[in-house]
Amino acid sequence: MDMAFTTSIRTAPSFFEGLVALKNELVERRAKYNVYRTTLNELQYLSGRELADLGMTRGNIKSVAYEAAYGK
């Protein structure tokens, strides 16, 4: 009775795979930064009263925008 064995050897990522991974990372970072900037800009245009209605102050706009883009 013959038994078949398979071996999987994973080598280091190729140069091309590394470039693709880098591109994907940069795209993801840019998308998160765009969410941060958009959220920050929109919140900065709100009046103090509108911010208060949302339970926010002007002092925590940056942290709210950061959390919206990057999580906690």
PDB file of N, CA and C in Angstrom:
ATOM      1  N   MET A   1       0.839  -1.161   0.000  1.00  0.00           N
ATOM      2  CA  MET A   1       0.000   0.000   0.000  1.00  0.00           C
ATOM      3  C   MET A   1       0.888   1.230   0.000  1.00  0.00           C
ATOM      4  N   ASP A   2       0.725   2.077  -1.005  1.00  0.00           N
ATOM      5  CA  ASP A   2       1.521   3.299  -1.110  1.00  0.00           C
ATOM      6  C   ASP A   2       0.815   4.431  -0.373  1.00  0.00           C
ATOM      7  N   MET A   3       1.619   5.228   0.302  1.00  0.00           N
ATOM      8  CA  MET A   3       1.082   6.402   0.993  1.00  0.00           C
ATOM      9  C   MET A   3       1.658   7.634   0.321  1.00  0.00           C
ATOM     10  N   ALA A   4       0.813   8.578   0.054  1.00  0.00           N
ATOM     11  CA  ALA A   4       1.260   9.813  -0.590  1.00  0.00           C
ATOM     12  C   ALA A   4       1.442  10.887   0.475  1.00  0.00           C
ATOM     13  N   PHE A   5       2.531  11.575   0.371  1.00  0.00           N
ATOM     14  CA  PHE A   5       2.811  12.682   1.288  1.00  0.00           C
ATOM     15  C   PHE A   5       2.978  13.949   0.468  1.00  0.00           C
ATOM     16  N   THR A   6       2.441  14.988   0.988  1.00  0.00           N
ATOM     17  CA  THR A   6       2.669  16.281   0.341  1.00  0.00           C
ATOM     18  C   THR A   6       3.376  17.176   1.342  1.00  0.00           C
ATOM     19  N   THR A   7       4.247  17.962   0.815  1.00  0.00           N
ATOM     20  CA  THR A   7       4.986  18.886   1.659  1.00  0.00           C
ATOM     21  C   THR A   7       4.766  20.293   1.131  1.00  0.00           C
ATOM     22  N   SER A   8       4.463  21.164   2.006  1.00  0.00           N
ATOM     23  CA  SER A   8       4.271  22.554   1.620  1.00  0.00           C
ATOM     24  C   SER A   8       5.398  23.387   2.221  1.00  0.00           C
ATOM     25  N   ILE A   9       6.172  23.966   1.359  1.00  0.00           N
ATOM     26  CA  ILE A   9       7.258  24.821   1.821  1.00  0.00           C
ATOM     27  C   ILE A   9       6.946  26.239   1.379  1.00  0.00           C
ATOM     28  N   ARG A  10       6.860  27.117   2.335  1.00  0.00           N
ATOM     29  CA  ARG A  10       6.559  28.518   2.036  1.00  0.00           C
ATOM     30  C   ARG A  10       7.857  29.305   2.092  1.00  0.00           C
ATOM     31  N   THR A  11       8.183  29.926   1.000  1.00  0.00           N
ATOM     32  CA  THR A  11       9.387  30.744   0.973  1.00  0.00           C
ATOM     33  C   THR A  11       9.030  32.184   1.282  1.00  0.00           C
ATOM     34  N   ALA A  12      10.011  33.004   1.400  1.00  0.00           N
ATOM     35  CA  ALA A  12       9.775  34.428   1.655  1.00  0.00           C
ATOM     36  C   ALA A  12       8.957  35.006   0.505  1.00  0.00           C
ATOM     37  N   PRO A  13       8.152  36.013   0.807  1.00  0.00           N
ATOM     38  CA  PRO A  13       7.343  36.611  -0.256  1.00  0.00           C
ATOM     39  C   PRO A  13       8.241  37.151  -1.378  1.00  0.00           C
ATOM     40  N   SER A  14       7.754  37.042  -2.582  1.00  0.00           N
ATOM     41  CA  SER A  14       8.510  37.558  -3.709  1.00  0.00           C
ATOM     42  C   SER A  14       8.509  39.079  -3.673  1.00  0.00           C
ATOM     43  N   PHE A  15       9.371  39.654  -4.453  1.00  0.00           N
ATOM     44  CA  PHE A  15       9.449  41.114  -4.534  1.00  0.00           C
ATOM     45  C   PHE A  15       8.098  41.688  -4.948  1.00  0.00           C
ATOM     46  N   PHE A  16       7.466  41.053  -5.920  1.00  0.00           N
ATOM     47  CA  PHE A  16       6.165  41.512  -6.399  1.00  0.00           C
ATOM     48  C   PHE A  16       5.113  41.439  -5.302  1.00  0.00           C
ATOM     49  N   GLU A  17       5.093  40.332  -4.569  1.00  0.00           N
ATOM     50  CA  GLU A  17       4.135  40.190  -3.458  1.00  0.00           C
ATOM     51  C   GLU A  17       4.364  41.267  -2.406  1.00  0.00           C
ATOM     52  N   GLY A  18       5.624  41.593  -2.150  1.00  0.00           N
ATOM     53  CA  GLY A  18       5.948  42.657  -1.207  1.00  0.00           C
ATOM     54  C   GLY A  18       5.433  44.004  -1.673  1.00  0.00           C
ATOM     55  N   LEU A  19       5.570  44.284  -2.964  1.00  0.00           N
ATOM     56  CA  LEU A  19       5.062  45.548  -3.506  1.00  0.00           C
ATOM     57  C   LEU A  19       3.549  45.625  -3.417  1.00  0.00           C
ATOM     58  N   VAL A  20       2.889  44.515  -3.710  1.00  0.00           N
ATOM     59  CA  VAL A  20       1.426  44.486  -3.627  1.00  0.00           C
ATOM     60  C   VAL A  20       0.981  44.718  -2.182  1.00  0.00           C
ATOM     61  N   ALA A  21       1.655  44.076  -1.237  1.00  0.00           N
ATOM     62  CA  ALA A  21       1.315  44.255   0.175  1.00  0.00           C
ATOM     63  C   ALA A  21       1.538  45.701   0.599  1.00  0.00           C
ATOM     64  N   LEU A  22       2.627  46.303   0.161  1.00  0.00           N
ATOM     65  CA  LEU A  22       2.914  47.701   0.487  1.00  0.00           C
ATOM     66  C   LEU A  22       1.858  48.619  -0.092  1.00  0.00           C
ATOM     67  N   LYS A  23       1.489  48.386  -1.348  1.00  0.00           N
ATOM     68  CA  LYS A  23       0.451  49.200  -1.984  1.00  0.00           C
ATOM     69  C   LYS A  23      -0.866  49.085  -1.225  1.00  0.00           C
ATOM     70  N   ASN A  24      -1.234  47.862  -0.847  1.00  0.00           N
ATOM     71  CA  ASN A  24      -2.485  47.655  -0.115  1.00  0.00           C
ATOM     72  C   ASN A  24      -2.464  48.368   1.227  1.00  0.00           C
ATOM     73  N   GLU A  25      -1.319  48.317   1.907  1.00  0.00           N
ATOM     74  CA  GLU A  25      -1.197  49.007   3.189  1.00  0.00           C
ATOM     75  C   GLU A  25      -1.334  50.514   3.018  1.00  0.00           C
ATOM     76  N   LEU A  26      -0.693  51.062   1.990  1.00  0.00           N
ATOM     77  CA  LEU A  26      -0.773  52.504   1.746  1.00  0.00           C
ATOM     78  C   LEU A  26      -2.191  52.929   1.387  1.00  0.00           C
ATOM     79  N   VAL A  27      -2.893  52.118   0.609  1.00  0.00           N
ATOM     80  CA  VAL A  27      -4.279  52.419   0.250  1.00  0.00           C
ATOM     81  C   VAL A  27      -5.149  52.425   1.507  1.00  0.00           C
ATOM     82  N   GLU A  28      -4.950  51.444   2.373  1.00  0.00           N
ATOM     83  CA  GLU A  28      -5.728  51.363   3.608  1.00  0.00           C
ATOM     84  C   GLU A  28      -5.434  52.554   4.525  1.00  0.00           C
ATOM     85  N   ARG A  29      -4.171  52.894   4.663  1.00  0.00           N
ATOM     86  CA  ARG A  29      -3.815  54.055   5.506  1.00  0.00           C
ATOM     87  C   ARG A  29      -4.422  55.337   4.961  1.00  0.00           C
ATOM     88  N   ARG A  30      -4.372  55.519   3.644  1.00  0.00           N
ATOM     89  CA  ARG A  30      -4.925  56.721   3.026  1.00  0.00           C
ATOM     90  C   ARG A  30      -6.432  56.787   3.248  1.00  0.00           C
ATOM     91  N   ALA A  31      -7.114  55.670   3.120  1.00  0.00           N
ATOM     92  CA  ALA A  31      -8.563  55.637   3.324  1.00  0.00           C
ATOM     93  C   ALA A  31      -8.911  56.020   4.763  1.00  0.00           C
ATOM     94  N   LYS A  32      -8.161  55.505   5.726  1.00  0.00           N
ATOM     95  CA  LYS A  32      -8.406  55.845   7.125  1.00  0.00           C
ATOM     96  C   LYS A  32      -8.135  57.323   7.383  1.00  0.00           C
ATOM     97  N   TYR A  33      -7.052  57.829   6.799  1.00  0.00           N
ATOM     98  CA  TYR A  33      -6.738  59.253   6.967  1.00  0.00           C
ATOM     99  C   TYR A  33      -7.837  60.119   6.365  1.00  0.00           C
ATOM    100  N   ASN A  34      -8.382  59.715   5.215  1.00  0.00           N
ATOM    101  CA  ASN A  34      -9.475  60.466   4.597  1.00  0.00           C
ATOM    102  C   ASN A  34     -10.711  60.486   5.483  1.00  0.00           C
ATOM    103  N   VAL A  35     -11.008  59.379   6.145  1.00  0.00           N
ATOM    104  CA  VAL A  35     -12.134  59.346   7.090  1.00  0.00           C
ATOM    105  C   VAL A  35     -11.861  60.318   8.236  1.00  0.00           C
ATOM    106  N   TYR A  36     -10.636  60.305   8.748  1.00  0.00           N
ATOM    107  CA  TYR A  36     -10.263  61.217   9.841  1.00  0.00           C
ATOM    108  C   TYR A  36     -10.447  62.670   9.423  1.00  0.00           C
ATOM    109  N   ARG A  37      -9.887  63.062   8.265  1.00  0.00           N
ATOM    110  CA  ARG A  37      -9.967  64.460   7.816  1.00  0.00           C
ATOM    111  C   ARG A  37     -11.407  64.871   7.543  1.00  0.00           C
ATOM    112  N   THR A  38     -12.185  64.010   6.908  1.00  0.00           N
ATOM    113  CA  THR A  38     -13.580  64.334   6.607  1.00  0.00           C
ATOM    114  C   THR A  38     -14.377  64.523   7.891  1.00  0.00           C
ATOM    115  N   THR A  39     -14.222  63.609   8.829  1.00  0.00           N
ATOM    116  CA  THR A  39     -14.932  63.702  10.107  1.00  0.00           C
ATOM    117  C   THR A  39     -14.514  64.960  10.853  1.00  0.00           C
ATOM    118  N   LEU A  40     -13.224  65.225  10.909  1.00  0.00           N
ATOM    119  CA  LEU A  40     -12.707  66.409  11.589  1.00  0.00           C
ATOM    120  C   LEU A  40     -13.282  67.676  10.969  1.00  0.00           C
ATOM    121  N   ASN A  41     -13.241  67.786   9.659  1.00  0.00           N
ATOM    122  CA  ASN A  41     -13.759  68.977   8.982  1.00  0.00           C
ATOM    123  C   ASN A  41     -15.250  69.173   9.226  1.00  0.00           C
ATOM    124  N   GLU A  42     -16.005  68.090   9.153  1.00  0.00           N
ATOM    125  CA  GLU A  42     -17.448  68.215   9.362  1.00  0.00           C
ATOM    126  C   GLU A  42     -17.777  68.635  10.792  1.00  0.00           C
ATOM    127  N   LEU A  43     -17.072  68.073  11.754  1.00  0.00           N
ATOM    128  CA  LEU A  43     -17.333  68.433  13.151  1.00  0.00           C
ATOM    129  C   LEU A  43     -16.902  69.858  13.461  1.00  0.00           C
ATOM    130  N   GLN A  44     -15.843  70.335  12.828  1.00  0.00           N
ATOM    131  CA  GLN A  44     -15.367  71.692  13.091  1.00  0.00           C
ATOM    132  C   GLN A  44     -16.344  72.752  12.603  1.00  0.00           C
ATOM    133  N   TYR A  45     -17.157  72.408  11.615  1.00  0.00           N
ATOM    134  CA  TYR A  45     -18.129  73.368  11.097  1.00  0.00           C
ATOM    135  C   TYR A  45     -19.400  73.451  11.940  1.00  0.00           C
ATOM    136  N   LEU A  46     -19.577  72.540  12.866  1.00  0.00           N
ATOM    137  CA  LEU A  46     -20.762  72.578  13.720  1.00  0.00           C
ATOM    138  C   LEU A  46     -20.624  73.671  14.768  1.00  0.00           C
ATOM    139  N   SER A  47     -21.750  74.223  15.160  1.00  0.00           N
ATOM    140  CA  SER A  47     -21.748  75.234  16.221  1.00  0.00           C
ATOM    141  C   SER A  47     -21.575  74.540  17.574  1.00  0.00           C
ATOM    142  N   GLY A  48     -21.284  75.338  18.588  1.00  0.00           N
ATOM    143  CA  GLY A  48     -21.156  74.800  19.933  1.00  0.00           C
ATOM    144  C   GLY A  48     -22.435  74.125  20.391  1.00  0.00           C
ATOM    145  N   ARG A  49     -23.548  74.692  20.018  1.00  0.00           N
ATOM    146  CA  ARG A  49     -24.841  74.109  20.392  1.00  0.00           C
ATOM    147  C   ARG A  49     -25.067  72.759  19.709  1.00  0.00           C
ATOM    148  N   GLU A  50     -24.721  72.692  18.426  1.00  0.00           N
ATOM    149  CA  GLU A  50     -24.881  71.431  17.702  1.00  0.00           C
ATOM    150  C   GLU A  50     -23.967  70.353  18.278  1.00  0.00           C
ATOM    151  N   LEU A  51     -22.764  70.748  18.643  1.00  0.00           N
ATOM    152  CA  LEU A  51     -21.855  69.790  19.275  1.00  0.00           C
ATOM    153  C   LEU A  51     -22.409  69.322  20.613  1.00  0.00           C
ATOM    154  N   ALA A  52     -22.962  70.252  21.376  1.00  0.00           N
ATOM    155  CA  ALA A  52     -23.541  69.899  22.673  1.00  0.00           C
ATOM    156  C   ALA A  52     -24.706  68.924  22.502  1.00  0.00           C
ATOM    157  N   ASP A  53     -25.493  69.121  21.455  1.00  0.00           N
ATOM    158  CA  ASP A  53     -26.602  68.200  21.174  1.00  0.00           C
ATOM    159  C   ASP A  53     -26.096  66.787  20.896  1.00  0.00           C
ATOM    160  N   LEU A  54     -24.868  66.698  20.373  1.00  0.00           N
ATOM    161  CA  LEU A  54     -24.252  65.399  20.106  1.00  0.00           C
ATOM    162  C   LEU A  54     -23.481  64.878  21.312  1.00  0.00           C
ATOM    163  N   GLY A  55     -23.463  65.672  22.392  1.00  0.00           N
ATOM    164  CA  GLY A  55     -22.741  65.266  23.595  1.00  0.00           C
ATOM    165  C   GLY A  55     -21.247  65.481  23.470  1.00  0.00           C
ATOM    166  N   MET A  56     -20.860  66.462  22.665  1.00  0.00           N
ATOM    167  CA  MET A  56     -19.438  66.717  22.417  1.00  0.00           C
ATOM    168  C   MET A  56     -19.089  68.161  22.746  1.00  0.00           C
ATOM    169  N   THR A  57     -17.804  68.384  22.895  1.00  0.00           N
ATOM    170  CA  THR A  57     -17.284  69.744  23.017  1.00  0.00           C
ATOM    171  C   THR A  57     -16.247  69.947  21.916  1.00  0.00           C
ATOM    172  N   ARG A  58     -15.889  71.190  21.705  1.00  0.00           N
ATOM    173  CA  ARG A  58     -14.868  71.475  20.712  1.00  0.00           C
ATOM    174  C   ARG A  58     -13.534  70.822  21.072  1.00  0.00           C
ATOM    175  N   GLY A  59     -13.304  70.635  22.340  1.00  0.00           N
ATOM    176  CA  GLY A  59     -12.051  70.063  22.802  1.00  0.00           C
ATOM    177  C   GLY A  59     -11.867  68.594  22.473  1.00  0.00           C
ATOM    178  N   ASN A  60     -12.940  67.887  22.193  1.00  0.00           N
ATOM    179  CA  ASN A  60     -12.766  66.460  21.886  1.00  0.00           C
ATOM    180  C   ASN A  60     -13.075  66.105  20.433  1.00  0.00           C
ATOM    181  N   ILE A  61     -13.122  67.094  19.570  1.00  0.00           N
ATOM    182  CA  ILE A  61     -13.386  66.839  18.142  1.00  0.00           C
ATOM    183  C   ILE A  61     -12.299  65.952  17.543  1.00  0.00           C
ATOM    184  N   LYS A  62     -11.040  66.251  17.822  1.00  0.00           N
ATOM    185  CA  LYS A  62      -9.947  65.468  17.228  1.00  0.00           C
ATOM    186  C   LYS A  62      -9.992  64.015  17.686  1.00  0.00           C
ATOM    187  N   SER A  63     -10.276  63.794  18.957  1.00  0.00           N
ATOM    188  CA  SER A  63     -10.304  62.413  19.448  1.00  0.00           C
ATOM    189  C   SER A  63     -11.487  61.645  18.860  1.00  0.00           C
ATOM    190  N   VAL A  64     -12.604  62.309  18.663  1.00  0.00           N
ATOM    191  CA  VAL A  64     -13.766  61.653  18.049  1.00  0.00           C
ATOM    192  C   VAL A  64     -13.462  61.299  16.590  1.00  0.00           C
ATOM    193  N   ALA A  65     -12.834  62.220  15.875  1.00  0.00           N
ATOM    194  CA  ALA A  65     -12.472  61.960  14.482  1.00  0.00           C
ATOM    195  C   ALA A  65     -11.454  60.820  14.391  1.00  0.00           C
ATOM    196  N   TYR A  66     -10.499  60.807  15.306  1.00  0.00           N
ATOM    197  CA  TYR A  66      -9.485  59.748  15.319  1.00  0.00           C
ATOM    198  C   TYR A  66     -10.141  58.391  15.565  1.00  0.00           C
ATOM    199  N   GLU A  67     -11.039  58.342  16.538  1.00  0.00           N
ATOM    200  CA  GLU A  67     -11.713  57.078  16.846  1.00  0.00           C
ATOM    201  C   GLU A  67     -12.583  56.619  15.672  1.00  0.00           C
ATOM    202  N   ALA A  68     -13.202  57.557  14.961  1.00  0.00           N
ATOM    203  CA  ALA A  68     -14.025  57.192  13.805  1.00  0.00           C
ATOM    204  C   ALA A  68     -13.171  56.550  12.717  1.00  0.00           C
ATOM    205  N   ALA A  69     -11.937  57.027  12.563  1.00  0.00           N
ATOM    206  CA  ALA A  69     -11.085  56.531  11.488  1.00  0.00           C
ATOM    207  C   ALA A  69     -10.288  55.294  11.892  1.00  0.00           C
ATOM    208  N   TYR A  70      -9.740  55.300  13.086  1.00  0.00           N
ATOM    209  CA  TYR A  70      -8.778  54.273  13.471  1.00  0.00           C
ATOM    210  C   TYR A  70      -9.266  53.344  14.580  1.00  0.00           C
ATOM    211  N   GLY A  71     -10.436  53.608  15.112  1.00  0.00           N
ATOM    212  CA  GLY A  71     -10.943  52.800  16.213  1.00  0.00           C
ATOM    213  C   GLY A  71     -10.326  53.218  17.529  1.00  0.00           C
ATOM    214  N   LYS A  72     -10.618  52.456  18.575  1.00  0.00           N
ATOM    215  CA  LYS A  72     -10.130  52.838  19.907  1.00  0.00           C
ATOM    216  C   LYS A  72      -8.698  52.526  20.108  1.00  0.00           C
TER     217      LYS A  72
END
